Amino acid sequence: MGKQAKLIAKMRRHPLDWRIEDLKVVADSMGISHDQHGTSHVVFRHHIAGRLSVPAHWPIRPIYVRQFIDLVDRAGENNED
């Protein structure tokens, strides 16, 4: 199991106290782009899985971590096809 897979598994088990940098590391490994243009939110985008806007303040609320994991799962399914 790679570093990113372990990080994703940890996010699934404990969606509390994550930083935006952690989400960016996972996104980079999954081919999900992210940008933050002078706003308080980071937008994660995948050409098939969709788009998710996450507040960049710490800690990230668990609902956003769960939504991010859903985005990663959809991106992973599409990368396997």
N, C-alpha and C. Protein backbone atom coordinates (compact mmCIF):
# COMPACT_ATOMS: atom_id res chain seq x y z
N MET A 1 0.85 -1.17 0.00
CA MET A 1 0.00 0.00 0.00
C MET A 1 0.89 1.23 0.00
N GLY A 2 0.66 2.13 -0.93
CA GLY A 2 1.47 3.34 -1.05
C GLY A 2 1.12 4.38 -0.01
N LYS A 3 1.93 5.42 0.02
CA LYS A 3 1.75 6.50 0.99
C LYS A 3 0.39 7.17 0.84
N GLN A 4 -0.02 7.44 -0.40
CA GLN A 4 -1.30 8.10 -0.63
C GLN A 4 -2.47 7.19 -0.24
N ALA A 5 -2.35 5.90 -0.53
CA ALA A 5 -3.41 4.96 -0.16
C ALA A 5 -3.57 4.90 1.36
N LYS A 6 -2.46 4.94 2.08
CA LYS A 6 -2.53 4.94 3.54
C LYS A 6 -3.17 6.23 4.05
N LEU A 7 -2.84 7.35 3.42
CA LEU A 7 -3.41 8.62 3.81
C LEU A 7 -4.93 8.64 3.58
N ILE A 8 -5.36 8.11 2.45
CA ILE A 8 -6.80 8.04 2.15
C ILE A 8 -7.50 7.13 3.15
N ALA A 9 -6.91 5.98 3.46
CA ALA A 9 -7.52 5.07 4.43
C ALA A 9 -7.64 5.74 5.80
N LYS A 10 -6.64 6.51 6.18
CA LYS A 10 -6.66 7.22 7.46
C LYS A 10 -7.77 8.28 7.45
N MET A 11 -7.95 8.97 6.32
CA MET A 11 -9.02 9.96 6.20
C MET A 11 -10.39 9.31 6.34
N ARG A 12 -10.54 8.12 5.77
CA ARG A 12 -11.81 7.40 5.88
C ARG A 12 -12.14 7.07 7.34
N ARG A 13 -11.12 6.61 8.06
CA ARG A 13 -11.34 6.20 9.46
C ARG A 13 -11.56 7.39 10.39
N HIS A 14 -10.81 8.45 10.16
CA HIS A 14 -10.84 9.61 11.05
C HIS A 14 -10.91 10.90 10.23
N PRO A 15 -12.11 11.37 9.91
CA PRO A 15 -12.22 12.57 9.06
C PRO A 15 -12.03 13.90 9.80
N LEU A 16 -11.46 13.86 11.00
CA LEU A 16 -11.23 15.08 11.78
C LEU A 16 -9.77 15.54 11.69
N ASP A 17 -9.57 16.84 11.86
CA ASP A 17 -8.24 17.45 12.00
C ASP A 17 -7.31 17.27 10.79
N TRP A 18 -7.83 17.46 9.59
CA TRP A 18 -7.00 17.41 8.39
C TRP A 18 -6.73 18.81 7.91
N ARG A 19 -5.61 18.99 7.27
CA ARG A 19 -5.23 20.28 6.70
C ARG A 19 -5.40 20.23 5.18
N ILE A 20 -5.54 21.39 4.60
CA ILE A 20 -5.74 21.48 3.15
C ILE A 20 -4.54 20.91 2.40
N GLU A 21 -3.34 21.02 2.99
CA GLU A 21 -2.14 20.48 2.35
C GLU A 21 -2.23 18.96 2.20
N ASP A 22 -2.86 18.28 3.17
CA ASP A 22 -3.04 16.83 3.09
C ASP A 22 -3.93 16.47 1.91
N LEU A 23 -5.01 17.23 1.73
CA LEU A 23 -5.91 16.98 0.61
C LEU A 23 -5.21 17.22 -0.72
N LYS A 24 -4.36 18.25 -0.76
CA LYS A 24 -3.63 18.55 -1.99
C LYS A 24 -2.66 17.42 -2.36
N VAL A 25 -2.03 16.82 -1.38
CA VAL A 25 -1.10 15.70 -1.63
C VAL A 25 -1.85 14.53 -2.27
N VAL A 26 -3.01 14.21 -1.71
CA VAL A 26 -3.82 13.12 -2.26
C VAL A 26 -4.31 13.48 -3.66
N ALA A 27 -4.77 14.70 -3.83
CA ALA A 27 -5.27 15.14 -5.14
C ALA A 27 -4.19 15.03 -6.21
N ASP A 28 -2.99 15.47 -5.89
CA ASP A 28 -1.88 15.39 -6.85
C ASP A 28 -1.61 13.95 -7.26
N SER A 29 -1.69 13.02 -6.32
CA SER A 29 -1.40 11.62 -6.62
C SER A 29 -2.51 10.98 -7.46
N MET A 30 -3.72 11.55 -7.41
CA MET A 30 -4.86 10.97 -8.12
C MET A 30 -5.17 11.68 -9.43
N GLY A 31 -4.39 12.67 -9.79
CA GLY A 31 -4.64 13.41 -11.03
C GLY A 31 -5.79 14.39 -10.91
N ILE A 32 -6.06 14.84 -9.70
CA ILE A 32 -7.11 15.83 -9.46
C ILE A 32 -6.42 17.19 -9.34
N SER A 33 -6.84 18.14 -10.16
CA SER A 33 -6.22 19.46 -10.10
C SER A 33 -6.84 20.27 -8.97
N HIS A 34 -6.09 21.26 -8.50
CA HIS A 34 -6.61 22.12 -7.44
C HIS A 34 -6.07 23.52 -7.65
N ASP A 35 -6.88 24.52 -7.28
CA ASP A 35 -6.43 25.89 -7.36
C ASP A 35 -7.13 26.73 -6.30
N GLN A 36 -6.48 27.84 -5.97
CA GLN A 36 -6.98 28.78 -4.97
C GLN A 36 -6.56 30.16 -5.43
N HIS A 37 -7.49 30.88 -5.99
CA HIS A 37 -7.18 32.19 -6.57
C HIS A 37 -7.61 33.31 -5.63
N GLY A 38 -6.83 33.54 -4.59
CA GLY A 38 -7.09 34.65 -3.69
C GLY A 38 -8.36 34.52 -2.88
N THR A 39 -8.85 33.32 -2.72
CA THR A 39 -10.08 33.11 -1.96
C THR A 39 -9.80 32.23 -0.75
N SER A 40 -10.80 32.04 0.07
CA SER A 40 -10.65 31.22 1.25
C SER A 40 -10.97 29.75 0.97
N HIS A 41 -11.23 29.40 -0.28
CA HIS A 41 -11.56 28.04 -0.67
C HIS A 41 -10.56 27.51 -1.70
N VAL A 42 -10.35 26.20 -1.65
CA VAL A 42 -9.57 25.51 -2.67
C VAL A 42 -10.57 24.70 -3.49
N VAL A 43 -10.47 24.79 -4.80
CA VAL A 43 -11.37 24.05 -5.69
C VAL A 43 -10.60 22.88 -6.27
N PHE A 44 -11.12 21.67 -6.03
CA PHE A 44 -10.55 20.44 -6.58
C PHE A 44 -11.39 20.07 -7.79
N ARG A 45 -10.70 19.72 -8.90
CA ARG A 45 -11.40 19.38 -10.15
C ARG A 45 -10.81 18.12 -10.77
N HIS A 46 -11.73 17.30 -11.27
CA HIS A 46 -11.33 16.14 -12.07
C HIS A 46 -12.23 16.13 -13.29
N HIS A 47 -11.66 15.86 -14.45
CA HIS A 47 -12.41 15.99 -15.70
C HIS A 47 -13.65 15.10 -15.77
N ILE A 48 -13.68 14.00 -15.05
CA ILE A 48 -14.85 13.12 -15.06
C ILE A 48 -15.55 13.10 -13.71
N ALA A 49 -14.78 13.08 -12.62
CA ALA A 49 -15.35 12.93 -11.27
C ALA A 49 -16.08 14.18 -10.80
N GLY A 50 -15.71 15.35 -11.32
CA GLY A 50 -16.43 16.56 -10.94
C GLY A 50 -15.58 17.58 -10.22
N ARG A 51 -16.25 18.39 -9.39
CA ARG A 51 -15.64 19.55 -8.76
C ARG A 51 -16.08 19.61 -7.31
N LEU A 52 -15.18 20.07 -6.45
CA LEU A 52 -15.48 20.23 -5.03
C LEU A 52 -14.74 21.44 -4.49
N SER A 53 -15.47 22.31 -3.80
CA SER A 53 -14.88 23.49 -3.18
C SER A 53 -14.77 23.23 -1.68
N VAL A 54 -13.55 23.41 -1.13
CA VAL A 54 -13.28 23.12 0.27
C VAL A 54 -12.70 24.36 0.94
N PRO A 55 -13.27 24.79 2.08
CA PRO A 55 -12.67 25.92 2.80
C PRO A 55 -11.24 25.59 3.21
N ALA A 56 -10.35 26.56 3.08
CA ALA A 56 -8.93 26.32 3.32
C ALA A 56 -8.51 26.56 4.76
N HIS A 57 -9.43 26.80 5.66
CA HIS A 57 -9.05 27.02 7.05
C HIS A 57 -8.89 25.69 7.78
N TRP A 58 -8.11 25.72 8.87
CA TRP A 58 -7.86 24.51 9.63
C TRP A 58 -8.69 24.53 10.90
N PRO A 59 -9.27 23.44 11.35
CA PRO A 59 -9.32 22.14 10.68
C PRO A 59 -10.44 22.11 9.65
N ILE A 60 -10.29 21.25 8.68
CA ILE A 60 -11.33 21.08 7.67
C ILE A 60 -12.45 20.26 8.31
N ARG A 61 -13.67 20.71 8.15
CA ARG A 61 -14.80 20.00 8.74
C ARG A 61 -14.94 18.61 8.12
N PRO A 62 -15.37 17.63 8.92
CA PRO A 62 -15.46 16.24 8.44
C PRO A 62 -16.32 16.06 7.18
N ILE A 63 -17.36 16.87 7.03
CA ILE A 63 -18.22 16.72 5.84
C ILE A 63 -17.43 16.98 4.56
N TYR A 64 -16.52 17.95 4.61
CA TYR A 64 -15.70 18.24 3.43
C TYR A 64 -14.68 17.14 3.17
N VAL A 65 -14.15 16.54 4.21
CA VAL A 65 -13.22 15.42 4.05
C VAL A 65 -13.95 14.24 3.40
N ARG A 66 -15.17 13.97 3.87
CA ARG A 66 -15.96 12.87 3.28
C ARG A 66 -16.29 13.14 1.82
N GLN A 67 -16.66 14.38 1.50
CA GLN A 67 -16.95 14.73 0.11
C GLN A 67 -15.69 14.62 -0.75
N PHE A 68 -14.54 14.99 -0.20
CA PHE A 68 -13.29 14.86 -0.92
C PHE A 68 -12.97 13.39 -1.20
N ILE A 69 -13.21 12.52 -0.22
CA ILE A 69 -12.97 11.09 -0.41
C ILE A 69 -13.89 10.54 -1.50
N ASP A 70 -15.14 11.01 -1.54
CA ASP A 70 -16.05 10.60 -2.62
C ASP A 70 -15.50 11.03 -3.98
N LEU A 71 -14.97 12.23 -4.06
CA LEU A 71 -14.38 12.72 -5.31
C LEU A 71 -13.18 11.85 -5.70
N VAL A 72 -12.34 11.51 -4.73
CA VAL A 72 -11.17 10.65 -4.98
C VAL A 72 -11.63 9.27 -5.46
N ASP A 73 -12.66 8.73 -4.84
CA ASP A 73 -13.18 7.43 -5.25
C ASP A 73 -13.68 7.45 -6.69
N ARG A 74 -14.43 8.51 -7.04
CA ARG A 74 -14.93 8.62 -8.41
C ARG A 74 -13.77 8.78 -9.40
N ALA A 75 -12.77 9.55 -9.03
CA ALA A 75 -11.60 9.73 -9.89
C ALA A 75 -10.84 8.42 -10.04
N GLY A 76 -10.71 7.65 -8.98
CA GLY A 76 -10.04 6.37 -9.01
C GLY A 76 -10.75 5.36 -9.87
N GLU A 77 -12.08 5.35 -9.79
CA GLU A 77 -12.87 4.44 -10.64
C GLU A 77 -12.66 4.77 -12.11
N ASN A 78 -12.62 6.05 -12.43
CA ASN A 78 -12.46 6.46 -13.82
C ASN A 78 -11.04 6.24 -14.33
N ASN A 79 -10.04 6.28 -13.43
CA ASN A 79 -8.66 6.03 -13.84
C ASN A 79 -8.42 4.55 -14.13
N GLU A 80 -9.21 3.67 -13.52
CA GLU A 80 -9.04 2.24 -13.73
C GLU A 80 -9.62 1.77 -15.04
N ASP A 81 -10.59 2.53 -15.59
CA ASP A 81 -11.26 2.11 -16.83
C ASP A 81 -10.36 2.25 -18.03
